[in-house]
C-alpha atoms as a PDB file:
ATOM      1  CA  MET A   1       6.342  -2.349  65.879  1.00  0.00           C
ATOM      2  CA  LYS A   2       3.166  -3.741  64.334  1.00  0.00           C
ATOM      3  CA  PHE A   3       3.186  -0.841  61.864  1.00  0.00           C
ATOM      4  CA  LYS A   4       6.736  -1.680  60.812  1.00  0.00           C
ATOM      5  CA  ILE A   5       5.943  -5.343  60.394  1.00  0.00           C
ATOM      6  CA  VAL A   6       2.877  -4.556  58.277  1.00  0.00           C
ATOM      7  CA  THR A   7       4.861  -2.073  56.208  1.00  0.00           C
ATOM      8  CA  ILE A   8       7.710  -4.527  55.576  1.00  0.00           C
ATOM      9  CA  ALA A   9       5.227  -7.266  54.657  1.00  0.00           C
ATOM     10  CA  PHE A  10       3.426  -4.919  52.267  1.00  0.00           C
ATOM     11  CA  LEU A  11       6.698  -3.923  50.570  1.00  0.00           C
ATOM     12  CA  PHE A  12       7.684  -7.565  50.221  1.00  0.00           C
ATOM     13  CA  LEU A  13       4.371  -8.445  48.642  1.00  0.00           C
ATOM     14  CA  SER A  14       4.610  -5.429  46.337  1.00  0.00           C
ATOM     15  CA  MET A  15       8.095  -6.428  45.204  1.00  0.00           C
ATOM     16  CA  THR A  16       6.940  -9.963  44.596  1.00  0.00           C
ATOM     17  CA  PHE A  17       3.901  -8.798  42.650  1.00  0.00           C
ATOM     18  CA  PHE A  18       5.833  -6.439  40.396  1.00  0.00           C
ATOM     19  CA  ALA A  19       8.880  -8.658  39.904  1.00  0.00           C
ATOM     20  CA  GLN A  20       9.185  -9.834  36.324  1.00  0.00           C
ATOM     21  CA  LYS A  21       9.396 -13.549  35.826  1.00  0.00           C
ATOM     22  CA  THR A  22      11.943 -14.748  33.268  1.00  0.00           C
ATOM     23  CA  VAL A  23      10.716 -16.467  30.117  1.00  0.00           C
ATOM     24  CA  GLU A  24      12.847 -17.980  27.390  1.00  0.00           C
ATOM     25  CA  ALA A  25      12.056 -16.695  23.885  1.00  0.00           C
ATOM     26  CA  SER A  26      12.579 -20.211  22.556  1.00  0.00           C
ATOM     27  CA  ASP A  27       9.700 -21.475  24.738  1.00  0.00           C
ATOM     28  CA  ILE A  28       7.418 -18.782  23.323  1.00  0.00           C
ATOM     29  CA  MET A  29       8.357 -19.813  19.787  1.00  0.00           C
ATOM     30  CA  LYS A  30       7.607 -23.447  20.609  1.00  0.00           C
ATOM     31  CA  ASP A  31       4.135 -22.481  21.822  1.00  0.00           C
ATOM     32  CA  ILE A  32       3.467 -20.437  18.664  1.00  0.00           C
ATOM     33  CA  LYS A  33       4.460 -23.417  16.517  1.00  0.00           C
ATOM     34  CA  ALA A  34       2.112 -25.583  18.559  1.00  0.00           C
ATOM     35  CA  GLY A  35      -0.771 -23.203  17.825  1.00  0.00           C
ATOM     36  CA  LYS A  36      -1.017 -21.799  21.360  1.00  0.00           C
ATOM     37  CA  SER A  37      -2.006 -18.176  21.956  1.00  0.00           C
ATOM     38  CA  ILE A  38       0.673 -16.137  23.735  1.00  0.00           C
ATOM     39  CA  SER A  39      -0.171 -14.005  26.776  1.00  0.00           C
ATOM     40  CA  TYR A  40       2.424 -12.667  29.236  1.00  0.00           C
ATOM     41  CA  GLN A  41       2.326  -9.924  31.857  1.00  0.00           C
ATOM     42  CA  ASN A  42       5.248  -8.630  33.942  1.00  0.00           C
ATOM     43  CA  ALA A  43       7.678 -10.960  32.200  1.00  0.00           C
ATOM     44  CA  LYS A  44      11.315 -10.629  31.184  1.00  0.00           C
ATOM     45  CA  ILE A  45      11.896 -12.256  27.806  1.00  0.00           C
ATOM     46  CA  VAL A  46      15.452 -13.486  27.241  1.00  0.00           C
ATOM     47  CA  GLY A  47      16.845 -14.714  23.944  1.00  0.00           C
ATOM     48  CA  THR A  48      15.984 -13.574  20.427  1.00  0.00           C
ATOM     49  CA  LEU A  49      12.263 -13.728  19.719  1.00  0.00           C
ATOM     50  CA  ASP A  50      12.156 -14.586  16.028  1.00  0.00           C
ATOM     51  CA  PHE A  51       8.629 -14.377  14.608  1.00  0.00           C
ATOM     52  CA  THR A  52       9.987 -15.256  11.145  1.00  0.00           C
ATOM     53  CA  PHE A  53      11.215 -18.664  12.335  1.00  0.00           C
ATOM     54  CA  MET A  54      14.152 -18.190  10.025  1.00  0.00           C
ATOM     55  CA  ASP A  55      16.047 -21.303  11.112  1.00  0.00           C
ATOM     56  CA  ASP A  56      13.074 -23.583  10.402  1.00  0.00           C
ATOM     57  CA  ALA A  57      12.361 -21.902   7.073  1.00  0.00           C
ATOM     58  CA  SER A  58      15.994 -21.959   5.956  1.00  0.00           C
ATOM     59  CA  ALA A  59      16.159 -25.732   6.264  1.00  0.00           C
ATOM     60  CA  LYS A  60      13.455 -26.046   3.593  1.00  0.00           C
ATOM     61  CA  LEU A  61      14.927 -23.548   1.124  1.00  0.00           C
ATOM     62  CA  PRO A  62      17.420 -24.043  -1.735  1.00  0.00           C
ATOM     63  CA  LYS A  63      21.009 -23.352  -0.778  1.00  0.00           C
ATOM     64  CA  LYS A  64      21.324 -20.483  -3.227  1.00  0.00           C
ATOM     65  CA  LYS A  65      18.863 -17.701  -3.898  1.00  0.00           C
ATOM     66  CA  LYS A  66      17.024 -17.671  -7.195  1.00  0.00           C
ATOM     67  CA  SER A  67      17.483 -14.916  -9.743  1.00  0.00           C
ATOM     68  CA  PHE A  68      15.932 -14.190 -13.112  1.00  0.00           C
ATOM     69  CA  TRP A  69      17.167 -12.293 -16.121  1.00  0.00           C
ATOM     70  CA  TRP A  70      14.034 -10.072 -16.233  1.00  0.00           C
ATOM     71  CA  GLY A  71      14.533  -8.655 -12.741  1.00  0.00           C
ATOM     72  CA  ASN A  72      16.570  -8.757  -9.597  1.00  0.00           C
ATOM     73  CA  GLY A  73      14.589 -11.693  -8.256  1.00  0.00           C
ATOM     74  CA  SER A  74      13.931  -9.968  -4.959  1.00  0.00           C
ATOM     75  CA  SER A  75      10.315 -11.109  -4.783  1.00  0.00           C
ATOM     76  CA  THR A  76      11.335 -14.774  -5.054  1.00  0.00           C
ATOM     77  CA  ASN A  77      13.708 -14.312  -2.142  1.00  0.00           C
ATOM     78  CA  ASP A  78      11.064 -13.097   0.336  1.00  0.00           C
ATOM     79  CA  VAL A  79      10.030 -15.770   2.820  1.00  0.00           C
ATOM     80  CA  LYS A  80       6.862 -14.848   4.712  1.00  0.00           C
ATOM     81  CA  ASN A  81       5.764 -16.466   7.957  1.00  0.00           C
ATOM     82  CA  LYS A  82       2.217 -16.064   9.262  1.00  0.00           C
ATOM     83  CA  ILE A  83       1.588 -15.852  13.001  1.00  0.00           C
ATOM     84  CA  ASP A  84      -1.957 -17.206  13.344  1.00  0.00           C
ATOM     85  CA  VAL A  85      -2.349 -17.060  17.145  1.00  0.00           C
ATOM     86  CA  ASP A  86      -3.090 -14.156  19.478  1.00  0.00           C
ATOM     87  CA  ILE A  87       0.030 -12.383  20.754  1.00  0.00           C
ATOM     88  CA  SER A  88      -0.122 -10.372  23.979  1.00  0.00           C
ATOM     89  CA  PHE A  89       2.749  -8.902  26.002  1.00  0.00           C
ATOM     90  CA  VAL A  90       1.898  -6.384  28.721  1.00  0.00           C
ATOM     91  CA  ASN A  91       4.484  -4.767  31.003  1.00  0.00           C
ATOM     92  CA  CYS A  92       7.174  -7.025  29.577  1.00  0.00           C
ATOM     93  CA  THR A  93      10.872  -6.425  28.968  1.00  0.00           C
ATOM     94  CA  PHE A  94      12.564  -7.865  25.904  1.00  0.00           C
ATOM     95  CA  LYS A  95      16.233  -8.271  26.746  1.00  0.00           C
ATOM     96  CA  ASP A  96      17.183  -9.339  23.222  1.00  0.00           C
ATOM     97  CA  ASP A  97      16.059  -8.732  19.651  1.00  0.00           C
ATOM     98  CA  VAL A  98      12.403  -8.985  18.644  1.00  0.00           C
ATOM     99  CA  LEU A  99      12.413  -9.805  14.948  1.00  0.00           C
ATOM    100  CA  ALA A 100       9.632  -9.951  12.395  1.00  0.00           C
ATOM    101  CA  TYR A 101      12.142  -8.986   9.682  1.00  0.00           C
ATOM    102  CA  ILE A 102      15.534 -10.559   8.978  1.00  0.00           C
ATOM    103  CA  PRO A 103      17.538  -9.883   5.796  1.00  0.00           C
ATOM    104  CA  ASN A 104      19.901 -12.847   5.814  1.00  0.00           C
ATOM    105  CA  GLU A 105      23.026 -12.062   3.829  1.00  0.00           C
ATOM    106  CA  ASP A 106      24.389 -15.610   3.923  1.00  0.00           C
ATOM    107  CA  SER A 107      21.370 -17.186   2.223  1.00  0.00           C
ATOM    108  CA  GLY A 108      20.219 -14.161   0.231  1.00  0.00           C
ATOM    109  CA  TYR A 109      16.682 -14.539   1.561  1.00  0.00           C
ATOM    110  CA  THR A 110      14.637 -11.984   3.483  1.00  0.00           C
ATOM    111  CA  PHE A 111      12.445 -13.430   6.235  1.00  0.00           C
ATOM    112  CA  THR A 112       9.366 -11.530   7.440  1.00  0.00           C
ATOM    113  CA  ALA A 113       6.320 -12.213   9.569  1.00  0.00           C
ATOM    114  CA  ASP A 114       2.652 -11.216   9.378  1.00  0.00           C
ATOM    115  CA  PHE A 115       0.309 -11.155  12.359  1.00  0.00           C
ATOM    116  CA  GLU A 116      -3.087 -12.590  11.420  1.00  0.00           C
ATOM    117  CA  ASN A 117      -4.556 -12.252  14.911  1.00  0.00           C
ATOM    118  CA  ILE A 118      -4.324  -9.704  17.724  1.00  0.00           C
ATOM    119  CA  ALA A 119      -0.802  -8.411  18.398  1.00  0.00           C
ATOM    120  CA  ILE A 120      -0.357  -6.589  21.715  1.00  0.00           C
ATOM    121  CA  PHE A 121       2.980  -5.130  22.936  1.00  0.00           C
ATOM    122  CA  LYS A 122       1.686  -2.707  25.566  1.00  0.00           C
ATOM    123  CA  ASN A 123       3.834  -0.916  28.149  1.00  0.00           C
ATOM    124  CA  CYS A 124       6.808  -3.018  27.086  1.00  0.00           C
ATOM    125  CA  ASN A 125      10.495  -2.220  26.990  1.00  0.00           C
ATOM    126  CA  PHE A 126      12.424  -3.275  23.886  1.00  0.00           C
ATOM    127  CA  GLU A 127      16.053  -3.118  25.009  1.00  0.00           C
ATOM    128  CA  ARG A 128      17.428  -4.383  21.708  1.00  0.00           C
ATOM    129  CA  LYS A 129      16.236  -4.293  18.087  1.00  0.00           C
ATOM    130  CA  ALA A 130      12.521  -4.300  17.282  1.00  0.00           C
ATOM    131  CA  MET A 131      12.087  -5.073  13.597  1.00  0.00           C
ATOM    132  CA  PHE A 132       8.611  -5.161  12.020  1.00  0.00           C
ATOM    133  CA  LYS A 133       9.481  -4.150   8.474  1.00  0.00           C
ATOM    134  CA  TYR A 134       6.956  -5.481   5.900  1.00  0.00           C
ATOM    135  CA  SER A 135       4.737  -6.890   8.665  1.00  0.00           C
ATOM    136  CA  ASN A 136       1.002  -6.910   8.056  1.00  0.00           C
ATOM    137  CA  PHE A 137      -1.100  -6.539  11.214  1.00  0.00           C
ATOM    138  CA  GLU A 138      -4.436  -7.951  10.090  1.00  0.00           C
ATOM    139  CA  ARG A 139      -6.228  -7.561  13.430  1.00  0.00           C
ATOM    140  CA  GLU A 140      -6.001  -5.093  16.306  1.00  0.00           C
ATOM    141  CA  SER A 141      -2.523  -4.190  17.501  1.00  0.00           C
ATOM    142  CA  ASP A 142      -1.227  -2.062  20.359  1.00  0.00           C
ATOM    143  CA  PHE A 143       2.262  -0.676  21.058  1.00  0.00           C
ATOM    144  CA  SER A 144       1.118   2.065  23.432  1.00  0.00           C
ATOM    145  CA  GLY A 145       3.280   2.943  26.411  1.00  0.00           C
ATOM    146  CA  SER A 146       6.270   1.010  25.105  1.00  0.00           C
ATOM    147  CA  ASN A 147       9.926   2.079  24.998  1.00  0.00           C
ATOM    148  CA  PHE A 148      12.142   1.280  22.039  1.00  0.00           C
ATOM    149  CA  ASP A 149      15.725   1.626  23.217  1.00  0.00           C
ATOM    150  CA  ASP A 150      17.532   0.363  20.088  1.00  0.00           C
ATOM    151  CA  ASP A 151      17.014   0.229  16.330  1.00  0.00           C
ATOM    152  CA  THR A 152      13.383  -0.150  15.293  1.00  0.00           C
ATOM    153  CA  THR A 153      11.511  -0.126  12.023  1.00  0.00           C
ATOM    154  CA  PHE A 154       7.918  -0.371  10.869  1.00  0.00           C
ATOM    155  CA  LYS A 155       8.889   0.436   7.285  1.00  0.00           C
ATOM    156  CA  TYR A 156       6.330  -0.948   4.808  1.00  0.00           C
ATOM    157  CA  ALA A 157       4.239  -2.243   7.721  1.00  0.00           C
ATOM    158  CA  LYS A 158       0.482  -2.333   7.164  1.00  0.00           C
ATOM    159  CA  PHE A 159      -2.110  -1.942   9.901  1.00  0.00           C
ATOM    160  CA  ASP A 160      -5.547  -3.142   8.788  1.00  0.00           C
ATOM    161  CA  LYS A 161      -7.418  -2.583  12.061  1.00  0.00           C
ATOM    162  CA  ASP A 162      -7.208  -0.386  15.171  1.00  0.00           C
ATOM    163  CA  THR A 163      -3.730   0.261  16.534  1.00  0.00           C
ATOM    164  CA  SER A 164      -2.069   2.654  18.971  1.00  0.00           C
ATOM    165  CA  PHE A 165       1.375   4.135  19.526  1.00  0.00           C
ATOM    166  CA  GLU A 166       0.328   6.519  22.292  1.00  0.00           C
ATOM    167  CA  ASN A 167       2.867   7.313  25.009  1.00  0.00           C
ATOM    168  CA  THR A 168       5.673   5.492  23.239  1.00  0.00           C
ATOM    169  CA  LYS A 169       9.334   6.482  23.359  1.00  0.00           C
ATOM    170  CA  PHE A 170      11.848   5.903  20.582  1.00  0.00           C
ATOM    171  CA  THR A 171      15.475   6.380  21.627  1.00  0.00           C
ATOM    172  CA  GLU A 172      16.990   5.730  18.175  1.00  0.00           C
ATOM    173  CA  THR A 173      15.742   6.646  14.714  1.00  0.00           C
ATOM    174  CA  ALA A 174      12.122   5.524  14.265  1.00  0.00           C
ATOM    175  CA  THR A 175      11.117   4.531  10.728  1.00  0.00           C
ATOM    176  CA  PHE A 176       7.520   4.331   9.516  1.00  0.00           C
ATOM    177  CA  LYS A 177       8.450   4.974   5.894  1.00  0.00           C
ATOM    178  CA  TYR A 178       5.843   3.554   3.472  1.00  0.00           C
ATOM    179  CA  ALA A 179       3.721   2.278   6.382  1.00  0.00           C
ATOM    180  CA  GLU A 180      -0.055   2.245   5.890  1.00  0.00           C
ATOM    181  CA  PHE A 181      -2.726   2.729   8.546  1.00  0.00           C
ATOM    182  CA  ASP A 182      -6.291   1.874   7.488  1.00  0.00           C
ATOM    183  CA  ARG A 183      -7.794   3.093  10.798  1.00  0.00           C
ATOM    184  CA  ASN A 184      -7.232   6.208  12.853  1.00  0.00           C
ATOM    185  CA  VAL A 185      -3.990   5.910  14.822  1.00  0.00           C
ATOM    186  CA  SER A 186      -2.572   7.932  17.692  1.00  0.00           C
ATOM    187  CA  PHE A 187       1.035   8.836  18.467  1.00  0.00           C
ATOM    188  CA  SER A 188      -0.069  11.346  21.092  1.00  0.00           C
ATOM    189  CA  ASN A 189       2.203  12.046  24.061  1.00  0.00           C
ATOM    190  CA  SER A 190       5.011  10.067  22.418  1.00  0.00           C
ATOM    191  CA  VAL A 191       8.684  11.064  22.409  1.00  0.00           C
ATOM    192  CA  PHE A 192      11.046  10.610  19.456  1.00  0.00           C
ATOM    193  CA  GLU A 193      14.533  11.290  20.764  1.00  0.00           C
ATOM    194  CA  ASP A 194      16.184  10.805  17.373  1.00  0.00           C
ATOM    195  CA  GLU A 195      14.951  11.366  13.813  1.00  0.00           C
ATOM    196  CA  ALA A 196      11.375  10.304  13.026  1.00  0.00           C
ATOM    197  CA  ILE A 197      10.692   9.161   9.466  1.00  0.00           C
ATOM    198  CA  PHE A 198       7.128   9.116   8.147  1.00  0.00           C
ATOM    199  CA  LYS A 199       8.128   9.553   4.490  1.00  0.00           C
ATOM    200  CA  TYR A 200       5.491   8.131   2.093  1.00  0.00           C
ATOM    201  CA  THR A 201       3.407   7.008   5.091  1.00  0.00           C
ATOM    202  CA  LYS A 202      -0.352   6.764   4.422  1.00  0.00           C
ATOM    203  CA  PHE A 203      -2.906   7.547   7.130  1.00  0.00           C
ATOM    204  CA  LYS A 204      -6.236   6.611   5.566  1.00  0.00           C
ATOM    205  CA  ASP A 205      -8.485   7.481   8.526  1.00  0.00           C
ATOM    206  CA  GLY A 206      -6.628  10.195  10.367  1.00  0.00           C
ATOM    207  CA  VAL A 207      -3.731  10.456  12.810  1.00  0.00           C
ATOM    208  CA  SER A 208      -2.985  12.208  16.080  1.00  0.00           C
ATOM    209  CA  PHE A 209       0.377  13.725  16.986  1.00  0.00           C
ATOM    210  CA  ASN A 210      -1.202  15.591  19.896  1.00  0.00           C
ATOM    211  CA  ASN A 211       1.519  16.649  22.363  1.00  0.00           C
ATOM    212  CA  THR A 212       4.064  14.493  20.515  1.00  0.00           C
ATOM    213  CA  ASN A 213       7.662  15.560  21.042  1.00  0.00           C
ATOM    214  CA  PHE A 214      10.000  15.142  18.079  1.00  0.00           C
ATOM    215  CA  GLU A 215      13.324  16.130  19.635  1.00  0.00           C
ATOM    216  CA  GLU A 216      15.228  16.100  16.327  1.00  0.00           C
ATOM    217  CA  ASP A 217      14.234  16.081  12.635  1.00  0.00           C
ATOM    218  CA  LEU A 218      10.788  15.042  11.400  1.00  0.00           C
ATOM    219  CA  ASP A 219      10.601  13.653   7.859  1.00  0.00           C
ATOM    220  CA  ILE A 220       7.024  13.606   6.523  1.00  0.00           C
ATOM    221  CA  LYS A 221       7.932  14.055   2.860  1.00  0.00           C
ATOM    222  CA  TYR A 222       5.231  12.578   0.573  1.00  0.00           C
ATOM    223  CA  MET A 223       3.147  11.650   3.630  1.00  0.00           C
ATOM    224  CA  LYS A 224      -0.571  11.481   2.869  1.00  0.00           C
ATOM    225  CA  VAL A 225      -3.335  11.960   5.438  1.00  0.00           C
ATOM    226  CA  SER A 226      -7.048  11.466   4.924  1.00  0.00           C
ATOM    227  CA  GLY A 227      -9.277  12.347   7.849  1.00  0.00           C
ATOM    228  CA  SER A 228      -8.425  14.120  11.094  1.00  0.00           C
ATOM    229  CA  PHE A 229      -4.908  15.486  11.573  1.00  0.00           C
ATOM    230  CA  ASP A 230      -4.262  16.509  15.181  1.00  0.00           C
ATOM    231  CA  ILE A 231      -0.947  18.288  15.737  1.00  0.00           C
ATOM    232  CA  ASN A 232      -2.059  20.352  18.721  1.00  0.00           C
ATOM    233  CA  LYS A 233       0.934  20.967  21.044  1.00  0.00           C
ATOM    234  CA  MET A 234       3.211  18.949  18.749  1.00  0.00           C
ATOM    235  CA  LYS A 235       6.858  19.960  19.147  1.00  0.00           C
ATOM    236  CA  VAL A 236       9.716  19.516  16.670  1.00  0.00           C
ATOM    237  CA  GLY A 237      13.295  20.208  17.781  1.00  0.00           C
ATOM    238  CA  PHE A 238      14.876  20.752  14.374  1.00  0.00           C
ATOM    239  CA  ASP A 239      13.645  20.590  10.770  1.00  0.00           C
ATOM    240  CA  ILE A 240      10.392  19.359   9.246  1.00  0.00           C
ATOM    241  CA  ASP A 241      10.661  18.057   5.687  1.00  0.00           C
ATOM    242  CA  SER A 242       7.095  18.313   4.391  1.00  0.00           C
ATOM    243  CA  LYS A 243       7.740  18.395   0.659  1.00  0.00           C
ATOM    244  CA  TYR A 244       4.766  16.965  -1.270  1.00  0.00           C
ATOM    245  CA  THR A 245       2.933  16.157   1.982  1.00  0.00           C
ATOM    246  CA  THR A 246      -0.846  16.332   1.634  1.00  0.00           C
ATOM    247  CA  ILE A 247      -3.499  16.651   4.337  1.00  0.00           C
ATOM    248  CA  ASN A 248      -6.914  15.899   2.859  1.00  0.00           C
ATOM    249  CA  GLY A 249      -5.644  17.051  -0.507  1.00  0.00           C
ATOM    250  CA  ARG A 250      -4.007  20.253   0.825  1.00  0.00           C
ATOM    251  CA  SER A 251      -0.306  20.881   1.205  1.00  0.00           C
ATOM    252  CA  PHE A 252       1.077  20.730   4.716  1.00  0.00           C
ATOM    253  CA  ASN A 253       1.927  24.453   4.754  1.00  0.00           C
ATOM    254  CA  LYS A 254      -1.508  25.394   3.434  1.00  0.00           C
ATOM    255  CA  TYR A 255      -3.103  23.224   6.097  1.00  0.00           C
ATOM    256  CA  LEU A 256      -1.122  25.025   8.808  1.00  0.00           C
ATOM    257  CA  ILE A 257      -2.142  28.454   7.483  1.00  0.00           C
ATOM    258  CA  GLU A 258      -5.825  27.497   7.240  1.00  0.00           C
ATOM    259  CA  SER A 259      -5.757  25.928  10.704  1.00  0.00           C
ATOM    260  CA  LYS A 260      -4.550  29.177  12.248  1.00  0.00           C
ATOM    261  CA  ASN A 261      -7.306  31.206  10.620  1.00  0.00           C
END
């Protein structure tokens, strides 16, 4: 009987410890605006987490987008927000969209966000969209162990310091097109269940795809790698488009041939 009581008490404590508390995304945004660093563990985030603060920015913008005869005016329509506090989410679940990129058709403006300080999204579950297009991560960042269950993009994102995508899972198409990594980055042990796009991506200090599983197509066309290139045990389910890809100045196919010798 004592054993059963102890066991039941232990299970209750375990459930309590691992239960995710619910946090409103709007409260997180209020803290960011107030200059407070963000740190959550084992939390369930409900509501859209908008790092661009589009609603606030829109109120200060002209009603109609600007355009100029010498171009399409796209640069004048980009509204950049800078997140200047530390961001840390560990073992969290995002029930709604996480947005650092919003192309707003009604206003004609595109809202994006840069992360000037540490940005941690480790062992998290993104159940809806995760949009980081055009984001600049100026300090360390970490997406390792996270699951992306819906649309996600890191297109044109720039990572200035150390970052990691180890043990991640992408259920939908994952886009890193035109992304730049200044430091060595690892995608080892990750799973891409849909197409993975690394077209025009630049890895300036090496990259690891060790034991990475690309279950469908892998697009690395025009990808450029300087430094180490670890593809040991990498698996690709369908086609690899490696046209114009260079690994330390060598073509992808030549690199493969030389690596086998």
